[in-house]
């Protein structure tokens, strides 16, 4: 176990992403956390050796700037070592899912047992490939994120129209995977006097604190971050809340989901699900949750994704209306 911990830390340091590990994505958290808990509780239970294979599909959008190869190598090491302490020999495979078509094919053909996707990707899957439940990460008693557009009080930017020709930083991370779609649609609908509704200059920023501070120090005109990121930064520096204004806020959305494919039945699945939902009950599990800035993991019905689906459907409708020249909804 010590060796596995060392490998995980080394991989992240080598990628220069130690701070960003909190935003690695739900796949890493689910697999790593479930395994840790299972390994600890089962250490004293010498079970008969069992050989299994777990194949995990991971969308590129869930890694948030972390080197995917390094992170997945660490996950595989943790899985094999700690499940091995329960007498289970497991063959772990990870696969990057590059498109919705690739995701659908992998699920349809049984090429993966579990997957972590940006919610827009999950919702775009064929309904017959979707499970009835997903795993959601809770933080501050909430499993949703809200995005905000920030501008400096002294910048002269009072509303969204004032962003024309300006530079806007968009935090790029798993928790803000839906932010670009929301922001671009919002701006395109508001800036109807612009030639194509996209006169705002956007740039991605992998560090949420930098996205906030760049606006504070007037190095960027505005930024799009999660409300959680802004609240955290403001707690550390109350001046941020006094000097920055919120131009707009998104609906509450679920940015990432982890799930087992429909029809997948295995003893490994039962053990992982139990470990995932009980993670917050053990000291070791709480440490892992703290690292990933999450309080607990819970299994929820896919119906919890409905508000996110409605927002994305509204964005799609507005885009189609705009492209067809139809009147836009304010």
Protein backbone atom coordinates (compact mmCIF):
# COMPACT_ATOMS: atom_id res chain seq x y z
CA UNK A 1 0.00 0.00 0.00
CA UNK A 2 2.87 2.34 0.81
CA UNK A 3 4.34 1.61 -2.59
CA UNK A 4 1.04 2.41 -4.28
CA UNK A 5 0.73 5.71 -2.39
CA UNK A 6 4.27 6.61 -3.40
CA UNK A 7 3.53 5.82 -7.03
CA UNK A 8 0.40 7.97 -7.04
CA UNK A 9 2.23 10.94 -5.50
CA UNK A 10 5.19 10.49 -7.83
CA UNK A 11 2.99 10.36 -10.90
CA UNK A 12 1.19 13.56 -9.97
CA UNK A 13 4.42 15.37 -9.04
CA UNK A 14 6.05 14.31 -12.28
CA UNK A 15 3.13 15.76 -14.19
CA UNK A 16 3.49 19.00 -12.20
CA UNK A 17 -0.13 18.71 -11.10
CA UNK A 18 -0.01 18.13 -7.32
CA UNK A 19 -2.43 20.99 -6.61
CA UNK A 20 -4.66 19.98 -9.47
CA UNK A 21 -5.15 16.45 -8.16
CA UNK A 22 -8.32 17.68 -6.49
CA UNK A 23 -9.78 18.08 -9.96
CA UNK A 24 -8.62 14.79 -11.49
CA UNK A 25 -12.16 13.64 -12.11
CA UNK A 26 -14.74 11.43 -10.56
CA UNK A 27 -13.36 8.24 -12.09
CA UNK A 28 -10.12 8.48 -10.17
CA UNK A 29 -11.96 9.28 -6.96
CA UNK A 30 -14.49 6.47 -7.26
CA UNK A 31 -12.01 3.76 -8.10
CA UNK A 32 -9.30 4.85 -5.72
CA UNK A 33 -11.63 5.50 -2.79
CA UNK A 34 -13.67 2.34 -3.16
CA UNK A 35 -10.54 0.26 -3.31
CA UNK A 36 -8.93 1.86 -0.28
CA UNK A 37 -11.94 1.17 1.89
CA UNK A 38 -12.29 -2.34 0.60
CA UNK A 39 -8.64 -3.10 1.22
CA UNK A 40 -8.72 -1.87 4.82
CA UNK A 41 -11.92 -3.62 5.86
CA UNK A 42 -10.92 -6.83 4.16
CA UNK A 43 -7.33 -7.03 5.29
CA UNK A 44 -8.14 -9.51 8.07
CA UNK A 45 -10.40 -11.59 5.86
CA UNK A 46 -8.28 -14.03 3.94
CA UNK A 47 -10.52 -14.78 1.01
CA UNK A 48 -10.06 -17.40 -1.60
CA UNK A 49 -8.26 -16.03 -4.63
CA UNK A 50 -10.64 -14.67 -7.23
CA UNK A 51 -9.62 -13.46 -10.65
CA UNK A 52 -11.65 -10.63 -12.17
CA UNK A 53 -11.30 -7.93 -14.79
CA UNK A 54 -12.46 -4.37 -14.43
CA UNK A 55 -12.30 -2.14 -17.50
CA UNK A 56 -12.88 1.55 -16.90
CA UNK A 57 -13.71 4.06 -19.62
CA UNK A 58 -12.71 7.64 -18.90
CA UNK A 59 -13.71 10.72 -20.86
CA UNK A 60 -10.93 13.22 -21.51
CA UNK A 61 -13.15 15.93 -20.08
CA UNK A 62 -13.01 14.42 -16.59
CA UNK A 63 -9.26 14.82 -16.06
CA UNK A 64 -9.06 18.61 -15.99
CA UNK A 65 -5.45 19.11 -17.09
CA UNK A 66 -3.88 16.22 -15.20
CA UNK A 67 -1.66 13.94 -17.28
CA UNK A 68 -4.07 11.09 -18.00
CA UNK A 69 -1.43 8.40 -18.52
CA UNK A 70 0.25 9.13 -15.18
CA UNK A 71 -3.01 9.28 -13.26
CA UNK A 72 -4.37 6.08 -14.77
CA UNK A 73 -1.13 4.23 -14.08
CA UNK A 74 -1.46 5.19 -10.41
CA UNK A 75 -5.10 4.06 -10.35
CA UNK A 76 -4.18 0.66 -11.77
CA UNK A 77 -1.44 0.24 -9.16
CA UNK A 78 -3.83 1.04 -6.29
CA UNK A 79 -6.50 -1.27 -7.66
CA UNK A 80 -4.27 -4.31 -8.00
CA UNK A 81 -2.42 -3.90 -4.73
CA UNK A 82 -5.27 -3.10 -2.39
CA UNK A 83 -7.89 -5.43 -3.84
CA UNK A 84 -5.17 -8.05 -3.70
CA UNK A 85 -5.20 -7.66 0.08
CA UNK A 86 -8.75 -9.05 -0.01
CA UNK A 87 -7.60 -12.14 -1.88
CA UNK A 88 -8.89 -10.78 -5.17
CA UNK A 89 -6.63 -10.86 -8.19
CA UNK A 90 -7.96 -8.17 -10.49
CA UNK A 91 -6.89 -7.24 -13.98
CA UNK A 92 -7.48 -3.50 -14.32
CA UNK A 93 -7.68 -1.81 -17.70
CA UNK A 94 -8.31 1.88 -18.39
CA UNK A 95 -9.42 3.32 -21.69
CA UNK A 96 -9.73 6.91 -22.85
CA UNK A 97 -13.11 7.48 -24.48
CA UNK A 98 -12.64 10.17 -27.08
CA UNK A 99 -16.17 10.72 -28.40
CA UNK A 100 -19.80 9.92 -27.65
CA UNK A 101 -19.71 7.38 -30.49
CA UNK A 102 -16.69 5.71 -28.89
CA UNK A 103 -18.45 5.73 -25.52
CA UNK A 104 -21.62 4.21 -26.95
CA UNK A 105 -19.71 1.51 -28.82
CA UNK A 106 -17.69 0.59 -25.73
CA UNK A 107 -20.85 0.22 -23.64
CA UNK A 108 -22.83 -1.55 -26.37
CA UNK A 109 -20.10 -4.11 -26.99
CA UNK A 110 -19.29 -4.64 -23.30
CA UNK A 111 -15.76 -3.26 -23.68
CA UNK A 112 -15.94 -1.40 -20.34
CA UNK A 113 -17.59 -2.24 -17.03
CA UNK A 114 -17.66 1.32 -15.70
CA UNK A 115 -17.17 4.83 -17.01
CA UNK A 116 -16.71 8.42 -15.91
CA UNK A 117 -18.17 11.00 -18.29
CA UNK A 118 -19.01 14.67 -18.45
CA UNK A 119 -22.77 14.79 -17.91
CA UNK A 120 -23.46 16.16 -21.39
CA UNK A 121 -21.69 13.09 -22.80
CA UNK A 122 -23.67 10.74 -20.58
CA UNK A 123 -26.97 12.33 -21.61
CA UNK A 124 -26.03 12.05 -25.28
CA UNK A 125 -25.68 8.26 -25.02
CA UNK A 126 -28.34 5.96 -26.46
CA UNK A 127 -30.94 5.51 -23.66
CA UNK A 128 -30.61 1.70 -23.78
CA UNK A 129 -26.97 1.97 -22.71
CA UNK A 130 -27.69 4.13 -19.67
CA UNK A 131 -28.02 2.62 -16.18
CA UNK A 132 -30.79 3.49 -13.74
CA UNK A 133 -28.36 5.02 -11.25
CA UNK A 134 -25.11 6.99 -11.14
CA UNK A 135 -22.59 7.96 -8.46
CA UNK A 136 -22.35 11.64 -7.53
CA UNK A 137 -19.74 13.48 -5.47
CA UNK A 138 -21.13 15.60 -2.63
CA UNK A 139 -19.44 18.76 -1.40
CA UNK A 140 -20.96 21.04 1.25
CA UNK A 141 -24.07 18.84 1.22
CA UNK A 142 -24.58 19.44 -2.52
CA UNK A 143 -23.78 17.39 -5.59
CA UNK A 144 -24.33 20.22 -8.06
CA UNK A 145 -22.22 23.12 -9.27
CA UNK A 146 -23.24 26.63 -10.26
CA UNK A 147 -21.11 28.75 -12.59
CA UNK A 148 -20.62 32.50 -12.23
CA UNK A 149 -19.20 35.21 -14.48
CA UNK A 150 -16.96 37.60 -12.51
CA UNK A 151 -15.81 41.12 -13.39
CA UNK A 152 -13.99 43.81 -11.41
CA UNK A 153 -16.08 46.60 -9.89
CA UNK A 154 -13.71 49.18 -11.35
CA UNK A 155 -13.55 47.72 -14.85
CA UNK A 156 -16.58 49.53 -16.20
CA UNK A 157 -18.20 46.19 -16.99
CA UNK A 158 -21.75 46.33 -15.70
CA UNK A 159 -23.53 43.69 -17.77
CA UNK A 160 -22.88 41.00 -20.36
CA UNK A 161 -23.01 43.43 -23.27
CA UNK A 162 -19.93 45.16 -21.83
CA UNK A 163 -17.94 41.96 -22.42
CA UNK A 164 -17.88 42.51 -26.19
CA UNK A 165 -14.29 42.66 -27.36
CA UNK A 166 -13.03 41.72 -23.88
CA UNK A 167 -11.01 38.73 -22.70
CA UNK A 168 -12.75 36.17 -20.51
CA UNK A 169 -10.96 33.36 -18.69
CA UNK A 170 -12.88 30.08 -18.37
CA UNK A 171 -11.73 27.67 -15.70
CA UNK A 172 -11.05 24.32 -17.35
CA UNK A 173 -11.64 21.42 -15.00
CA UNK A 174 -13.98 18.48 -14.43
CA UNK A 175 -16.30 20.52 -12.21
CA UNK A 176 -16.59 23.20 -14.91
CA UNK A 177 -16.98 20.83 -17.86
CA UNK A 178 -20.36 22.35 -18.76
CA UNK A 179 -19.29 25.98 -18.23
CA UNK A 180 -18.13 26.68 -21.81
CA UNK A 181 -21.46 25.53 -23.28
CA UNK A 182 -23.43 27.64 -20.84
CA UNK A 183 -21.25 30.73 -21.29
CA UNK A 184 -21.06 30.60 -25.08
CA UNK A 185 -24.80 30.13 -25.45
CA UNK A 186 -25.54 32.89 -22.96
CA UNK A 187 -23.24 35.35 -24.72
CA UNK A 188 -24.44 34.43 -28.19
CA UNK A 189 -28.04 35.08 -27.16
CA UNK A 190 -27.24 38.37 -25.44
CA UNK A 191 -24.88 39.80 -28.07
CA UNK A 192 -27.25 39.70 -31.01
CA UNK A 193 -25.77 42.91 -32.38
CA UNK A 194 -22.40 41.19 -32.88
CA UNK A 195 -21.77 39.63 -36.27
CA UNK A 196 -21.88 36.07 -34.99
CA UNK A 197 -22.51 36.50 -31.30
CA UNK A 198 -18.99 35.39 -30.42
CA UNK A 199 -17.05 38.67 -30.24
CA UNK A 200 -15.86 37.82 -26.73
CA UNK A 201 -12.32 36.50 -26.55
CA UNK A 202 -12.04 33.42 -24.36
CA UNK A 203 -9.03 31.68 -22.86
CA UNK A 204 -8.88 28.63 -20.62
CA UNK A 205 -7.25 28.58 -17.18
CA UNK A 206 -6.62 25.30 -15.35
CA UNK A 207 -6.29 26.86 -11.90
CA UNK A 208 -9.59 28.26 -10.52
CA UNK A 209 -7.82 30.57 -8.05
CA UNK A 210 -5.82 32.13 -10.88
CA UNK A 211 -9.00 32.61 -12.88
CA UNK A 212 -10.41 34.65 -10.00
CA UNK A 213 -7.22 36.53 -9.14
CA UNK A 214 -6.50 37.51 -12.75
CA UNK A 215 -9.74 39.48 -12.70
CA UNK A 216 -9.01 40.90 -9.26
CA UNK A 217 -5.60 42.21 -10.40
CA UNK A 218 -7.11 43.50 -13.67
CA UNK A 219 -5.08 41.13 -15.87
CA UNK A 220 -8.27 39.71 -17.35
CA UNK A 221 -11.58 41.43 -17.96
CA UNK A 222 -13.76 38.63 -16.61
CA UNK A 223 -13.71 34.96 -15.71
CA UNK A 224 -16.06 31.99 -15.51
CA UNK A 225 -15.58 29.78 -12.45
CA UNK A 226 -17.73 27.66 -10.18
CA UNK A 227 -19.51 29.44 -7.35
CA UNK A 228 -17.70 27.06 -4.99
CA UNK A 229 -14.31 28.19 -6.30
CA UNK A 230 -15.28 31.85 -5.89
CA UNK A 231 -16.60 31.26 -2.37
CA UNK A 232 -13.43 29.42 -1.36
CA UNK A 233 -11.21 32.18 -2.74
CA UNK A 234 -13.34 34.83 -1.00
CA UNK A 235 -13.06 33.06 2.34
CA UNK A 236 -9.28 33.27 2.04
CA UNK A 237 -9.40 36.87 0.81
CA UNK A 238 -12.66 38.71 1.70
CA UNK A 239 -11.57 41.62 -0.47
CA UNK A 240 -12.39 39.53 -3.54
CA UNK A 241 -16.09 39.60 -2.74
CA UNK A 242 -15.99 43.38 -2.27
CA UNK A 243 -14.02 44.11 -5.44
CA UNK A 244 -15.60 41.61 -7.84
CA UNK A 245 -19.15 41.54 -9.12
CA UNK A 246 -21.15 38.57 -10.41
CA UNK A 247 -22.54 39.37 -13.85
CA UNK A 248 -24.53 36.16 -14.28
CA UNK A 249 -25.07 32.76 -12.67
CA UNK A 250 -25.95 29.43 -14.22
CA UNK A 251 -28.56 26.96 -13.02
CA UNK A 252 -27.35 24.24 -10.66
CA UNK A 253 -25.84 21.44 -12.75
CA UNK A 254 -24.19 18.06 -12.25
CA UNK A 255 -20.90 18.23 -14.17
CA UNK A 256 -19.65 14.62 -14.00
CA UNK A 257 -21.13 11.17 -13.44
CA UNK A 258 -19.58 7.79 -12.71
CA UNK A 259 -21.58 4.66 -13.46
CA UNK A 260 -21.47 0.95 -14.10
CA UNK A 261 -22.83 -0.04 -17.46
CA UNK A 262 -26.37 -1.36 -17.64
CA UNK A 263 -26.50 -5.12 -17.20
CA UNK A 264 -23.07 -5.43 -15.58
CA UNK A 265 -23.22 -8.01 -12.76
CA UNK A 266 -20.19 -8.95 -10.68
CA UNK A 267 -19.05 -9.53 -7.10
CA UNK A 268 -16.49 -6.79 -7.72
CA UNK A 269 -19.28 -4.35 -8.47
CA UNK A 270 -21.08 -5.10 -5.22
CA UNK A 271 -17.89 -4.63 -3.19
CA UNK A 272 -17.01 -1.39 -4.96
CA UNK A 273 -20.49 0.06 -4.56
CA UNK A 274 -20.52 -0.71 -0.85
CA UNK A 275 -17.07 0.79 -0.39
CA UNK A 276 -17.93 3.90 -2.38
CA UNK A 277 -21.01 4.80 -0.37
CA UNK A 278 -19.32 4.04 2.99
CA UNK A 279 -16.12 5.88 2.22
CA UNK A 280 -16.83 8.82 4.52
CA UNK A 281 -17.24 6.45 7.47
CA UNK A 282 -13.55 5.51 7.71
CA UNK A 283 -10.56 7.74 8.58
CA UNK A 284 -8.65 6.58 5.51
CA UNK A 285 -11.65 7.20 3.30
CA UNK A 286 -12.13 10.68 4.74
CA UNK A 287 -8.51 11.49 3.91
CA UNK A 288 -9.06 10.50 0.29
CA UNK A 289 -12.26 12.56 0.10
CA UNK A 290 -10.40 15.57 1.51
CA UNK A 291 -7.72 15.26 -1.15
CA UNK A 292 -10.38 15.35 -3.85
CA UNK A 293 -12.34 18.17 -2.16
CA UNK A 294 -15.39 16.00 -1.68
CA UNK A 295 -17.35 15.06 1.45
CA UNK A 296 -18.86 11.78 0.36
CA UNK A 297 -20.09 9.75 -2.61
CA UNK A 298 -23.69 8.65 -2.99
CA UNK A 299 -25.61 6.53 -5.45
CA UNK A 300 -28.53 8.38 -7.01
CA UNK A 301 -31.20 7.77 -9.62
CA UNK A 302 -30.52 9.20 -13.07
CA UNK A 303 -33.61 11.35 -12.50
CA UNK A 304 -31.33 13.67 -10.51
CA UNK A 305 -29.78 14.67 -13.84
CA UNK A 306 -33.06 16.14 -15.11
CA UNK A 307 -32.28 19.83 -14.26
CA UNK A 308 -28.94 19.50 -16.04
CA UNK A 309 -30.64 17.86 -19.01
CA UNK A 310 -33.14 20.72 -19.20
CA UNK A 311 -30.37 23.33 -19.23
CA UNK A 312 -28.50 21.54 -21.99
CA UNK A 313 -31.72 21.05 -23.97
CA UNK A 314 -32.47 24.78 -23.68
CA UNK A 315 -28.95 25.59 -24.90
CA UNK A 316 -29.44 23.26 -27.86
CA UNK A 317 -32.83 24.81 -28.65
CA UNK A 318 -31.45 28.34 -28.53
CA UNK A 319 -28.55 27.36 -30.78
CA UNK A 320 -30.89 25.83 -33.35
CA UNK A 321 -33.18 28.86 -33.26
CA UNK A 322 -30.25 31.21 -33.64
CA UNK A 323 -28.88 29.26 -36.59
CA UNK A 324 -32.29 29.24 -38.25
CA UNK A 325 -32.89 32.94 -37.61
CA UNK A 326 -35.86 32.38 -35.30
CA UNK A 327 -36.56 34.82 -32.43
CA UNK A 328 -34.56 34.09 -29.29
CA UNK A 329 -35.82 33.55 -25.76
CA UNK A 330 -34.42 36.30 -23.47
